[in-house]
Structures are given as C-alpha cells and as structure tokens.
Amino acid sequence: MIESLPKAKIVCSETQVSQAIDKMADEITQTLKNLQPVMISTMLGGLYLTGELMRRLSFALQLDYAHATRYQGSEHGGALQWLVEPRADLNGRSVLLIDDVLDAGITLKALVDDCQRRGAARVFTAVLVDKQANRAVGGLQSADFFALTLPDYYLFGCGMDYNQYWRNLPAIYALEDHHHET
C-alpha cells in the first residue's frame, strides 16, 4: 500500500489538524463538561480522534466503543454491518459519538438512532472531517462538532484509511483526481 502515498496530496498538515482538534475540544468542553457523557468511539475510524480528544477533555466522562461499517476495506460504501454494539448503559445519559468523517451520514445516523433506542437522553456527534458531500437521504445531515470542513475527495490519515492502511498518518491526504463515492 506504500504506493498510495506518492499519488496523494496533503490537504491538511499535522499542525492544522491539531489546531482544529484543539478548537473542537474547547467547544465540546463548553457543551458537555457538566453532563458526564458516555463517549463512544466508532471503530476503526473514530479511534484517532478519540485518542486526540481524550488528551484534551478534562471533565468526567465514560468511554465505550462501537464498530459498524459500510466499507469493509473498500473505497465505496455498501450495506451497514454491525460488528460490535456499545456496551454502556445509555438510559437517561448524554452520549458523544466520535467518528472520523461525515460524508453520506448513513453510518453515523444508524449509531445515533441506536443510542436513542437504548434510551439516551441526548446524542451529540463529533467528527474530525465534515466532508463537503451530498448527504444520503435519511443520513445524518450535520455533526454537532467538527474540526475541519474538506472537499469531497477520498481522504486518508488521522483515522481515515486507504484500503485499511494509513490511518496512523498525522496529516490528512487526498488521492488526486479521486472523488469519494458514497
């Protein structure tokens, strides 16, 4: 997969990503600091942002995770598949769902709906990237918190993958001449 990096262009530097996450963490803190929320990281994409936020959020929260995917290592989304559902008791709780990118909004909307079905009092969403993409009918149309707004390219780095690689890059890259289809 190393050949994917030379074909890519950097769209957000490590410094830009870090500063954007700082700002988002401040916004999350102002909203959730007194709610003792359950923070649910969506695997695998939300892991990077969750780690970055954990260093920046200094209020009481409970951590959990969920794993739902539409991509299964592909560049194009398919049917939603649940791999692991959240285990925390969400009844009457505030929930903060963390994911890497909001594009079509189908996966994140399914997670929001699931949290509400489990009795969450309020569900907030946070994504690293709000992609300038057409949202799917019935998908989540916007996130409560986002660090960056980027064009509708196939992005990777900072939790987003290219064929299951490169989630670990500290900057965000786009494949040149390759728009992400949802």
N, C-alpha and C. Protein backbone atom coordinates (compact mmCIF):
# COMPACT_ATOMS: atom_id res chain seq x y z
N MET A 1 0.81 -1.20 0.00
CA MET A 1 0.00 0.00 0.00
C MET A 1 0.86 1.26 0.00
N ILE A 2 2.14 1.12 0.12
CA ILE A 2 3.00 2.30 0.14
C ILE A 2 2.87 3.13 -1.13
N GLU A 3 2.47 2.49 -2.21
CA GLU A 3 2.33 3.23 -3.46
C GLU A 3 1.20 4.26 -3.41
N SER A 4 0.28 4.16 -2.47
CA SER A 4 -0.82 5.13 -2.39
C SER A 4 -0.34 6.51 -1.96
N LEU A 5 0.69 6.59 -1.15
CA LEU A 5 1.12 7.89 -0.64
C LEU A 5 1.68 8.81 -1.72
N PRO A 6 2.53 8.35 -2.64
CA PRO A 6 3.03 9.28 -3.66
C PRO A 6 1.94 9.84 -4.58
N LYS A 7 0.84 9.13 -4.77
CA LYS A 7 -0.25 9.61 -5.62
C LYS A 7 -1.16 10.59 -4.89
N ALA A 8 -0.86 10.83 -3.63
CA ALA A 8 -1.73 11.65 -2.81
C ALA A 8 -1.15 13.04 -2.61
N LYS A 9 -2.04 13.96 -2.29
CA LYS A 9 -1.60 15.32 -1.95
C LYS A 9 -2.07 15.60 -0.53
N ILE A 10 -1.27 16.37 0.19
CA ILE A 10 -1.64 16.73 1.54
C ILE A 10 -2.70 17.84 1.47
N VAL A 11 -3.78 17.66 2.23
CA VAL A 11 -4.84 18.67 2.25
C VAL A 11 -4.93 19.37 3.60
N CYS A 12 -4.33 18.77 4.64
CA CYS A 12 -4.32 19.37 5.96
C CYS A 12 -3.07 18.88 6.68
N SER A 13 -2.23 19.80 7.09
CA SER A 13 -0.99 19.45 7.77
C SER A 13 -1.27 18.96 9.19
N GLU A 14 -0.26 18.36 9.79
CA GLU A 14 -0.37 17.91 11.17
C GLU A 14 -0.70 19.08 12.09
N THR A 15 -0.08 20.22 11.88
CA THR A 15 -0.35 21.41 12.69
C THR A 15 -1.78 21.89 12.52
N GLN A 16 -2.27 21.93 11.29
CA GLN A 16 -3.65 22.36 11.05
C GLN A 16 -4.65 21.41 11.71
N VAL A 17 -4.38 20.11 11.62
CA VAL A 17 -5.27 19.12 12.24
C VAL A 17 -5.28 19.32 13.75
N SER A 18 -4.11 19.45 14.36
CA SER A 18 -4.01 19.61 15.81
C SER A 18 -4.72 20.87 16.30
N GLN A 19 -4.53 21.97 15.61
CA GLN A 19 -5.19 23.22 16.00
C GLN A 19 -6.71 23.11 15.86
N ALA A 20 -7.17 22.43 14.83
CA ALA A 20 -8.62 22.25 14.63
C ALA A 20 -9.22 21.37 15.73
N ILE A 21 -8.48 20.34 16.13
CA ILE A 21 -8.96 19.48 17.21
C ILE A 21 -8.97 20.24 18.53
N ASP A 22 -7.97 21.09 18.76
CA ASP A 22 -7.96 21.93 19.96
C ASP A 22 -9.24 22.75 20.05
N LYS A 23 -9.58 23.39 18.96
CA LYS A 23 -10.78 24.25 18.92
C LYS A 23 -12.05 23.43 19.16
N MET A 24 -12.14 22.27 18.51
CA MET A 24 -13.31 21.41 18.69
C MET A 24 -13.40 20.93 20.14
N ALA A 25 -12.28 20.56 20.74
CA ALA A 25 -12.28 20.10 22.14
C ALA A 25 -12.79 21.20 23.07
N ASP A 26 -12.43 22.44 22.80
CA ASP A 26 -12.95 23.55 23.60
C ASP A 26 -14.47 23.66 23.47
N GLU A 27 -14.98 23.51 22.25
CA GLU A 27 -16.43 23.57 22.02
C GLU A 27 -17.15 22.42 22.72
N ILE A 28 -16.58 21.22 22.64
CA ILE A 28 -17.17 20.06 23.32
C ILE A 28 -17.17 20.29 24.82
N THR A 29 -16.08 20.78 25.35
CA THR A 29 -15.98 21.04 26.79
C THR A 29 -17.05 22.02 27.25
N GLN A 30 -17.23 23.10 26.51
CA GLN A 30 -18.25 24.09 26.90
C GLN A 30 -19.64 23.48 26.93
N THR A 31 -19.92 22.57 26.04
CA THR A 31 -21.26 21.97 25.94
C THR A 31 -21.47 20.81 26.90
N LEU A 32 -20.45 19.97 27.10
CA LEU A 32 -20.65 18.70 27.81
C LEU A 32 -20.00 18.60 29.19
N LYS A 33 -19.27 19.60 29.61
CA LYS A 33 -18.46 19.49 30.84
C LYS A 33 -19.26 19.12 32.09
N ASN A 34 -20.51 19.46 32.15
CA ASN A 34 -21.31 19.16 33.34
C ASN A 34 -22.27 17.98 33.16
N LEU A 35 -22.16 17.27 32.04
CA LEU A 35 -23.12 16.20 31.73
C LEU A 35 -22.60 14.79 32.00
N GLN A 36 -21.32 14.61 32.30
CA GLN A 36 -20.72 13.29 32.48
C GLN A 36 -21.17 12.33 31.37
N PRO A 37 -20.84 12.66 30.12
CA PRO A 37 -21.34 11.86 28.99
C PRO A 37 -20.64 10.51 28.84
N VAL A 38 -21.29 9.65 28.09
CA VAL A 38 -20.66 8.43 27.60
C VAL A 38 -20.09 8.81 26.23
N MET A 39 -18.78 8.70 26.08
CA MET A 39 -18.12 8.99 24.81
C MET A 39 -17.92 7.66 24.09
N ILE A 40 -18.55 7.53 22.92
CA ILE A 40 -18.47 6.28 22.17
C ILE A 40 -17.64 6.52 20.92
N SER A 41 -16.53 5.81 20.85
CA SER A 41 -15.66 5.87 19.68
C SER A 41 -16.13 4.85 18.66
N THR A 42 -16.30 5.29 17.43
CA THR A 42 -16.64 4.34 16.37
C THR A 42 -15.35 3.77 15.81
N MET A 43 -15.30 2.48 15.77
CA MET A 43 -14.12 1.79 15.25
C MET A 43 -14.28 1.59 13.76
N LEU A 44 -13.27 1.66 13.03
CA LEU A 44 -11.92 1.98 13.46
C LEU A 44 -11.60 3.45 13.25
N GLY A 45 -12.37 4.11 12.44
CA GLY A 45 -12.08 5.49 12.07
C GLY A 45 -12.06 6.48 13.22
N GLY A 46 -12.92 6.30 14.20
CA GLY A 46 -13.00 7.24 15.31
C GLY A 46 -11.89 7.10 16.34
N LEU A 47 -11.09 6.05 16.24
CA LEU A 47 -10.05 5.79 17.23
C LEU A 47 -9.04 6.93 17.31
N TYR A 48 -8.57 7.43 16.19
CA TYR A 48 -7.57 8.50 16.17
C TYR A 48 -8.12 9.75 16.87
N LEU A 49 -9.30 10.20 16.45
CA LEU A 49 -9.89 11.40 17.04
C LEU A 49 -10.20 11.19 18.52
N THR A 50 -10.67 10.01 18.89
CA THR A 50 -10.94 9.72 20.29
C THR A 50 -9.68 9.89 21.12
N GLY A 51 -8.57 9.34 20.65
CA GLY A 51 -7.31 9.48 21.36
C GLY A 51 -6.89 10.93 21.51
N GLU A 52 -7.05 11.69 20.44
CA GLU A 52 -6.69 13.11 20.49
C GLU A 52 -7.61 13.88 21.44
N LEU A 53 -8.89 13.57 21.42
CA LEU A 53 -9.82 14.27 22.31
C LEU A 53 -9.61 13.88 23.77
N MET A 54 -9.29 12.62 24.03
CA MET A 54 -9.07 12.17 25.41
C MET A 54 -7.98 13.00 26.08
N ARG A 55 -6.98 13.42 25.31
CA ARG A 55 -5.89 14.24 25.87
C ARG A 55 -6.34 15.67 26.15
N ARG A 56 -7.43 16.09 25.52
CA ARG A 56 -7.84 17.49 25.59
C ARG A 56 -9.09 17.73 26.44
N LEU A 57 -9.84 16.70 26.75
CA LEU A 57 -11.08 16.86 27.52
C LEU A 57 -10.78 16.57 28.98
N SER A 58 -10.98 17.56 29.85
CA SER A 58 -10.63 17.40 31.27
C SER A 58 -11.88 17.43 32.15
N PHE A 59 -12.90 16.71 31.74
CA PHE A 59 -14.10 16.58 32.55
C PHE A 59 -14.46 15.10 32.63
N ALA A 60 -15.32 14.76 33.58
CA ALA A 60 -15.70 13.36 33.80
C ALA A 60 -16.48 12.83 32.60
N LEU A 61 -16.03 11.69 32.09
CA LEU A 61 -16.75 11.01 31.01
C LEU A 61 -16.49 9.52 31.11
N GLN A 62 -17.37 8.77 30.51
CA GLN A 62 -17.21 7.32 30.44
C GLN A 62 -16.90 6.99 28.99
N LEU A 63 -16.00 6.03 28.75
CA LEU A 63 -15.59 5.68 27.40
C LEU A 63 -16.12 4.32 27.01
N ASP A 64 -16.63 4.23 25.78
CA ASP A 64 -17.10 2.97 25.21
C ASP A 64 -16.78 3.01 23.72
N TYR A 65 -17.11 1.97 23.02
CA TYR A 65 -16.89 1.95 21.57
C TYR A 65 -17.98 1.14 20.88
N ALA A 66 -18.08 1.37 19.59
CA ALA A 66 -18.98 0.61 18.73
C ALA A 66 -18.26 0.40 17.40
N HIS A 67 -18.60 -0.66 16.71
CA HIS A 67 -17.99 -0.92 15.42
C HIS A 67 -19.09 -1.27 14.43
N ALA A 68 -19.36 -0.33 13.56
CA ALA A 68 -20.30 -0.52 12.46
C ALA A 68 -19.59 -0.03 11.21
N THR A 69 -19.74 -0.72 10.12
CA THR A 69 -19.03 -0.34 8.91
C THR A 69 -19.90 -0.51 7.68
N ARG A 70 -19.60 0.31 6.69
CA ARG A 70 -20.21 0.15 5.37
C ARG A 70 -19.13 -0.12 4.33
N TYR A 71 -17.88 -0.09 4.73
CA TYR A 71 -16.79 -0.11 3.75
C TYR A 71 -16.03 -1.43 3.70
N GLN A 72 -15.89 -2.14 4.79
CA GLN A 72 -15.18 -3.41 4.84
C GLN A 72 -13.90 -3.39 4.01
N GLY A 73 -13.11 -2.31 4.11
CA GLY A 73 -11.84 -2.21 3.40
C GLY A 73 -11.96 -1.69 1.98
N SER A 74 -13.14 -1.39 1.53
CA SER A 74 -13.37 -0.90 0.16
C SER A 74 -13.41 0.62 0.15
N GLU A 75 -13.30 1.20 -1.02
CA GLU A 75 -13.40 2.66 -1.17
C GLU A 75 -14.85 3.12 -1.30
N HIS A 76 -15.77 2.19 -1.49
CA HIS A 76 -17.17 2.53 -1.71
C HIS A 76 -18.05 1.89 -0.64
N GLY A 77 -18.99 2.68 -0.12
CA GLY A 77 -19.86 2.19 0.94
C GLY A 77 -20.89 1.20 0.44
N GLY A 78 -21.22 0.25 1.29
CA GLY A 78 -22.24 -0.74 0.99
C GLY A 78 -23.25 -0.78 2.12
N ALA A 79 -23.79 -1.96 2.37
CA ALA A 79 -24.77 -2.14 3.44
C ALA A 79 -24.09 -2.01 4.80
N LEU A 80 -24.81 -1.45 5.76
CA LEU A 80 -24.30 -1.29 7.11
C LEU A 80 -24.17 -2.65 7.78
N GLN A 81 -23.02 -2.89 8.39
CA GLN A 81 -22.77 -4.14 9.10
C GLN A 81 -22.33 -3.82 10.52
N TRP A 82 -23.05 -4.33 11.52
CA TRP A 82 -22.67 -4.16 12.92
C TRP A 82 -21.68 -5.24 13.30
N LEU A 83 -20.54 -4.85 13.86
CA LEU A 83 -19.55 -5.79 14.35
C LEU A 83 -19.55 -5.84 15.88
N VAL A 84 -19.64 -4.66 16.53
CA VAL A 84 -19.72 -4.56 17.99
C VAL A 84 -20.65 -3.40 18.34
N GLU A 85 -21.63 -3.66 19.19
CA GLU A 85 -22.52 -2.60 19.65
C GLU A 85 -22.00 -2.04 20.97
N PRO A 86 -22.33 -0.79 21.31
CA PRO A 86 -21.87 -0.23 22.59
C PRO A 86 -22.39 -1.06 23.76
N ARG A 87 -21.61 -1.12 24.82
CA ARG A 87 -21.98 -1.93 25.99
C ARG A 87 -22.48 -1.09 27.16
N ALA A 88 -22.14 0.19 27.19
CA ALA A 88 -22.53 1.05 28.31
C ALA A 88 -24.04 1.22 28.38
N ASP A 89 -24.54 1.38 29.58
CA ASP A 89 -25.96 1.68 29.78
C ASP A 89 -26.17 3.14 29.40
N LEU A 90 -26.93 3.38 28.36
CA LEU A 90 -27.14 4.74 27.85
C LEU A 90 -28.43 5.36 28.35
N ASN A 91 -29.23 4.61 29.07
CA ASN A 91 -30.53 5.09 29.51
C ASN A 91 -30.40 6.37 30.33
N GLY A 92 -31.01 7.45 29.83
CA GLY A 92 -31.01 8.74 30.51
C GLY A 92 -29.70 9.50 30.43
N ARG A 93 -28.73 9.00 29.68
CA ARG A 93 -27.39 9.60 29.61
C ARG A 93 -27.23 10.49 28.38
N SER A 94 -26.29 11.40 28.48
CA SER A 94 -25.83 12.16 27.31
C SER A 94 -24.72 11.33 26.67
N VAL A 95 -24.74 11.28 25.35
CA VAL A 95 -23.78 10.47 24.59
C VAL A 95 -23.06 11.36 23.60
N LEU A 96 -21.76 11.14 23.47
CA LEU A 96 -20.96 11.81 22.45
C LEU A 96 -20.38 10.74 21.54
N LEU A 97 -20.87 10.68 20.31
CA LEU A 97 -20.37 9.73 19.31
C LEU A 97 -19.21 10.36 18.57
N ILE A 98 -18.09 9.65 18.47
CA ILE A 98 -16.89 10.14 17.80
C ILE A 98 -16.65 9.32 16.54
N ASP A 99 -16.48 9.99 15.40
CA ASP A 99 -16.16 9.30 14.15
C ASP A 99 -15.14 10.12 13.38
N ASP A 100 -14.59 9.53 12.34
CA ASP A 100 -13.56 10.21 11.57
C ASP A 100 -14.12 11.23 10.59
N VAL A 101 -15.15 10.84 9.83
CA VAL A 101 -15.62 11.70 8.76
C VAL A 101 -17.14 11.59 8.61
N LEU A 102 -17.76 12.70 8.31
CA LEU A 102 -19.18 12.70 7.95
C LEU A 102 -19.25 12.93 6.45
N ASP A 103 -19.63 11.90 5.72
CA ASP A 103 -19.82 12.06 4.28
C ASP A 103 -21.29 11.80 3.95
N ALA A 104 -21.68 10.59 3.65
CA ALA A 104 -23.09 10.31 3.36
C ALA A 104 -23.95 10.41 4.61
N GLY A 105 -23.38 10.11 5.77
CA GLY A 105 -24.11 10.23 7.03
C GLY A 105 -24.89 8.99 7.44
N ILE A 106 -24.81 7.93 6.66
CA ILE A 106 -25.61 6.73 6.93
C ILE A 106 -25.14 6.02 8.20
N THR A 107 -23.85 5.78 8.32
CA THR A 107 -23.32 5.05 9.47
C THR A 107 -23.56 5.82 10.76
N LEU A 108 -23.22 7.09 10.77
CA LEU A 108 -23.38 7.88 11.99
C LEU A 108 -24.85 8.02 12.37
N LYS A 109 -25.73 8.14 11.41
CA LYS A 109 -27.17 8.22 11.70
C LYS A 109 -27.65 6.91 12.33
N ALA A 110 -27.16 5.78 11.84
CA ALA A 110 -27.53 4.49 12.43
C ALA A 110 -27.07 4.41 13.89
N LEU A 111 -25.89 4.94 14.17
CA LEU A 111 -25.39 4.95 15.55
C LEU A 111 -26.21 5.88 16.44
N VAL A 112 -26.57 7.05 15.93
CA VAL A 112 -27.43 7.98 16.68
C VAL A 112 -28.76 7.31 17.00
N ASP A 113 -29.36 6.70 15.99
CA ASP A 113 -30.65 6.03 16.19
C ASP A 113 -30.53 4.91 17.22
N ASP A 114 -29.44 4.16 17.18
CA ASP A 114 -29.24 3.07 18.13
C ASP A 114 -29.12 3.61 19.56
N CYS A 115 -28.38 4.69 19.73
CA CYS A 115 -28.24 5.30 21.07
C CYS A 115 -29.60 5.78 21.58
N GLN A 116 -30.39 6.37 20.71
CA GLN A 116 -31.72 6.83 21.11
C GLN A 116 -32.61 5.65 21.48
N ARG A 117 -32.51 4.58 20.72
CA ARG A 117 -33.29 3.36 21.01
C ARG A 117 -32.90 2.79 22.37
N ARG A 118 -31.64 2.98 22.76
CA ARG A 118 -31.16 2.49 24.05
C ARG A 118 -31.47 3.45 25.19
N GLY A 119 -32.20 4.54 24.91
CA GLY A 119 -32.68 5.44 25.95
C GLY A 119 -31.82 6.65 26.24
N ALA A 120 -30.85 6.96 25.38
CA ALA A 120 -30.01 8.14 25.60
C ALA A 120 -30.88 9.39 25.69
N ALA A 121 -30.58 10.24 26.65
CA ALA A 121 -31.32 11.50 26.81
C ALA A 121 -30.99 12.46 25.69
N ARG A 122 -29.72 12.47 25.28
CA ARG A 122 -29.27 13.38 24.21
C ARG A 122 -28.06 12.74 23.54
N VAL A 123 -28.01 12.81 22.23
CA VAL A 123 -26.89 12.25 21.48
C VAL A 123 -26.22 13.37 20.70
N PHE A 124 -24.93 13.57 20.96
CA PHE A 124 -24.12 14.54 20.25
C PHE A 124 -23.17 13.77 19.33
N THR A 125 -22.82 14.39 18.22
CA THR A 125 -21.88 13.76 17.29
C THR A 125 -20.67 14.67 17.08
N ALA A 126 -19.50 14.04 16.96
CA ALA A 126 -18.27 14.77 16.71
C ALA A 126 -17.47 14.01 15.65
N VAL A 127 -17.04 14.72 14.63
CA VAL A 127 -16.23 14.13 13.57
C VAL A 127 -15.01 15.00 13.32
N LEU A 128 -13.95 14.38 12.88
CA LEU A 128 -12.77 15.14 12.52
C LEU A 128 -13.05 15.96 11.26
N VAL A 129 -13.67 15.32 10.26
CA VAL A 129 -13.90 15.97 8.97
C VAL A 129 -15.37 15.97 8.61
N ASP A 130 -15.88 17.15 8.35
CA ASP A 130 -17.21 17.32 7.76
C ASP A 130 -16.93 17.49 6.27
N LYS A 131 -17.19 16.43 5.52
CA LYS A 131 -16.86 16.45 4.10
C LYS A 131 -17.95 17.20 3.33
N GLN A 132 -17.54 18.03 2.39
CA GLN A 132 -18.48 18.76 1.54
C GLN A 132 -19.02 17.79 0.50
N ALA A 133 -19.95 16.95 0.96
CA ALA A 133 -20.51 15.89 0.13
C ALA A 133 -22.02 15.94 0.21
N ASN A 134 -22.66 15.35 -0.76
CA ASN A 134 -24.11 15.21 -0.69
C ASN A 134 -24.44 14.15 0.35
N ARG A 135 -25.25 14.52 1.31
CA ARG A 135 -25.65 13.57 2.34
C ARG A 135 -26.73 12.66 1.77
N ALA A 136 -26.73 11.44 2.24
CA ALA A 136 -27.74 10.47 1.81
C ALA A 136 -29.09 10.85 2.41
N VAL A 137 -30.14 10.58 1.66
CA VAL A 137 -31.48 10.76 2.20
C VAL A 137 -31.61 9.83 3.40
N GLY A 138 -32.02 10.37 4.53
CA GLY A 138 -32.13 9.58 5.74
C GLY A 138 -30.84 9.49 6.53
N GLY A 139 -29.76 10.02 6.00
CA GLY A 139 -28.48 10.03 6.71
C GLY A 139 -28.39 11.25 7.61
N LEU A 140 -27.40 11.25 8.48
CA LEU A 140 -27.16 12.41 9.33
C LEU A 140 -26.71 13.58 8.45
N GLN A 141 -27.34 14.71 8.57
CA GLN A 141 -27.05 15.84 7.70
C GLN A 141 -25.94 16.74 8.21
N SER A 142 -25.70 16.75 9.53
CA SER A 142 -24.62 17.56 10.08
C SER A 142 -24.21 16.99 11.43
N ALA A 143 -22.96 17.24 11.80
CA ALA A 143 -22.45 16.83 13.10
C ALA A 143 -22.56 18.00 14.07
N ASP A 144 -22.70 17.70 15.34
CA ASP A 144 -22.74 18.76 16.35
C ASP A 144 -21.40 19.45 16.48
N PHE A 145 -20.32 18.67 16.35
CA PHE A 145 -18.97 19.20 16.45
C PHE A 145 -18.14 18.63 15.30
N PHE A 146 -17.34 19.47 14.67
CA PHE A 146 -16.41 19.00 13.65
C PHE A 146 -15.18 19.88 13.68
N ALA A 147 -14.05 19.28 13.36
CA ALA A 147 -12.79 20.02 13.39
C ALA A 147 -12.52 20.71 12.06
N LEU A 148 -12.76 20.02 10.96
CA LEU A 148 -12.40 20.52 9.64
C LEU A 148 -13.52 20.30 8.64
N THR A 149 -13.64 21.21 7.68
CA THR A 149 -14.53 21.02 6.53
C THR A 149 -13.63 20.88 5.32
N LEU A 150 -13.75 19.75 4.62
CA LEU A 150 -12.88 19.47 3.48
C LEU A 150 -13.69 19.04 2.27
N PRO A 151 -13.10 19.18 1.07
CA PRO A 151 -13.80 18.78 -0.16
C PRO A 151 -14.08 17.28 -0.21
N ASP A 152 -14.93 16.89 -1.11
CA ASP A 152 -15.36 15.50 -1.27
C ASP A 152 -14.33 14.70 -2.08
N TYR A 153 -13.16 14.52 -1.49
CA TYR A 153 -12.14 13.65 -2.07
C TYR A 153 -12.03 12.41 -1.21
N TYR A 154 -11.41 11.39 -1.74
CA TYR A 154 -11.11 10.22 -0.93
C TYR A 154 -9.95 10.61 -0.01
N LEU A 155 -10.22 10.74 1.28
CA LEU A 155 -9.26 11.23 2.26
C LEU A 155 -8.70 10.08 3.09
N PHE A 156 -7.45 10.23 3.53
CA PHE A 156 -6.89 9.26 4.46
C PHE A 156 -5.87 9.93 5.35
N GLY A 157 -5.60 9.26 6.48
CA GLY A 157 -4.76 9.82 7.54
C GLY A 157 -5.66 10.26 8.69
N CYS A 158 -5.10 10.40 9.88
CA CYS A 158 -5.85 10.86 11.06
C CYS A 158 -7.09 10.01 11.32
N GLY A 159 -6.96 8.71 11.15
CA GLY A 159 -8.07 7.79 11.40
C GLY A 159 -8.76 7.29 10.15
N MET A 160 -8.70 8.06 9.07
CA MET A 160 -9.31 7.64 7.81
C MET A 160 -8.31 6.76 7.06
N ASP A 161 -8.82 5.71 6.43
CA ASP A 161 -7.91 4.75 5.81
C ASP A 161 -7.98 4.76 4.29
N TYR A 162 -6.94 4.20 3.71
CA TYR A 162 -6.92 3.86 2.30
C TYR A 162 -6.67 2.37 2.24
N ASN A 163 -7.70 1.60 1.88
CA ASN A 163 -7.61 0.14 1.83
C ASN A 163 -7.04 -0.44 3.12
N GLN A 164 -7.51 0.07 4.25
CA GLN A 164 -7.18 -0.37 5.59
C GLN A 164 -5.77 0.02 6.05
N TYR A 165 -5.10 0.90 5.34
CA TYR A 165 -3.78 1.40 5.72
C TYR A 165 -3.84 2.91 5.90
N TRP A 166 -2.81 3.46 6.50
CA TRP A 166 -2.52 4.89 6.62
C TRP A 166 -3.42 5.64 7.60
N ARG A 167 -4.17 4.96 8.44
CA ARG A 167 -4.96 5.66 9.47
C ARG A 167 -4.04 6.42 10.43
N ASN A 168 -2.81 5.97 10.55
CA ASN A 168 -1.86 6.49 11.52
C ASN A 168 -1.18 7.79 11.11
N LEU A 169 -1.35 8.24 9.89
CA LEU A 169 -0.69 9.47 9.46
C LEU A 169 -1.22 10.67 10.25
N PRO A 170 -0.35 11.59 10.67
CA PRO A 170 -0.79 12.73 11.49
C PRO A 170 -1.33 13.90 10.67
N ALA A 171 -1.30 13.78 9.35
CA ALA A 171 -1.85 14.79 8.45
C ALA A 171 -2.93 14.11 7.60
N ILE A 172 -3.71 14.90 6.88
CA ILE A 172 -4.76 14.35 6.03
C ILE A 172 -4.35 14.50 4.57
N TYR A 173 -4.49 13.41 3.85
CA TYR A 173 -4.13 13.34 2.43
C TYR A 173 -5.36 13.02 1.60
N ALA A 174 -5.30 13.40 0.32
CA ALA A 174 -6.37 13.06 -0.63
C ALA A 174 -5.73 12.40 -1.84
N LEU A 175 -6.42 11.39 -2.35
CA LEU A 175 -5.98 10.81 -3.60
C LEU A 175 -6.29 11.79 -4.71
N GLU A 176 -5.32 12.11 -5.52
CA GLU A 176 -5.54 13.08 -6.58
C GLU A 176 -6.52 12.51 -7.61
N ASP A 177 -7.39 13.38 -8.11
CA ASP A 177 -8.38 13.01 -9.13
C ASP A 177 -9.21 11.81 -8.72
N HIS A 178 -9.53 11.72 -7.45
CA HIS A 178 -10.30 10.58 -6.98
C HIS A 178 -11.35 11.07 -5.99
N HIS A 179 -12.53 11.37 -6.48
CA HIS A 179 -13.62 11.78 -5.58
C HIS A 179 -14.17 10.55 -4.91
N HIS A 180 -14.58 10.72 -3.66
CA HIS A 180 -15.14 9.61 -2.88
C HIS A 180 -16.59 9.44 -3.27
N GLU A 181 -16.96 8.22 -3.67
CA GLU A 181 -18.34 7.92 -3.98
C GLU A 181 -19.01 7.34 -2.75
N THR A 182 -20.20 7.81 -2.45
CA THR A 182 -20.92 7.29 -1.28
C THR A 182 -22.18 6.60 -1.69
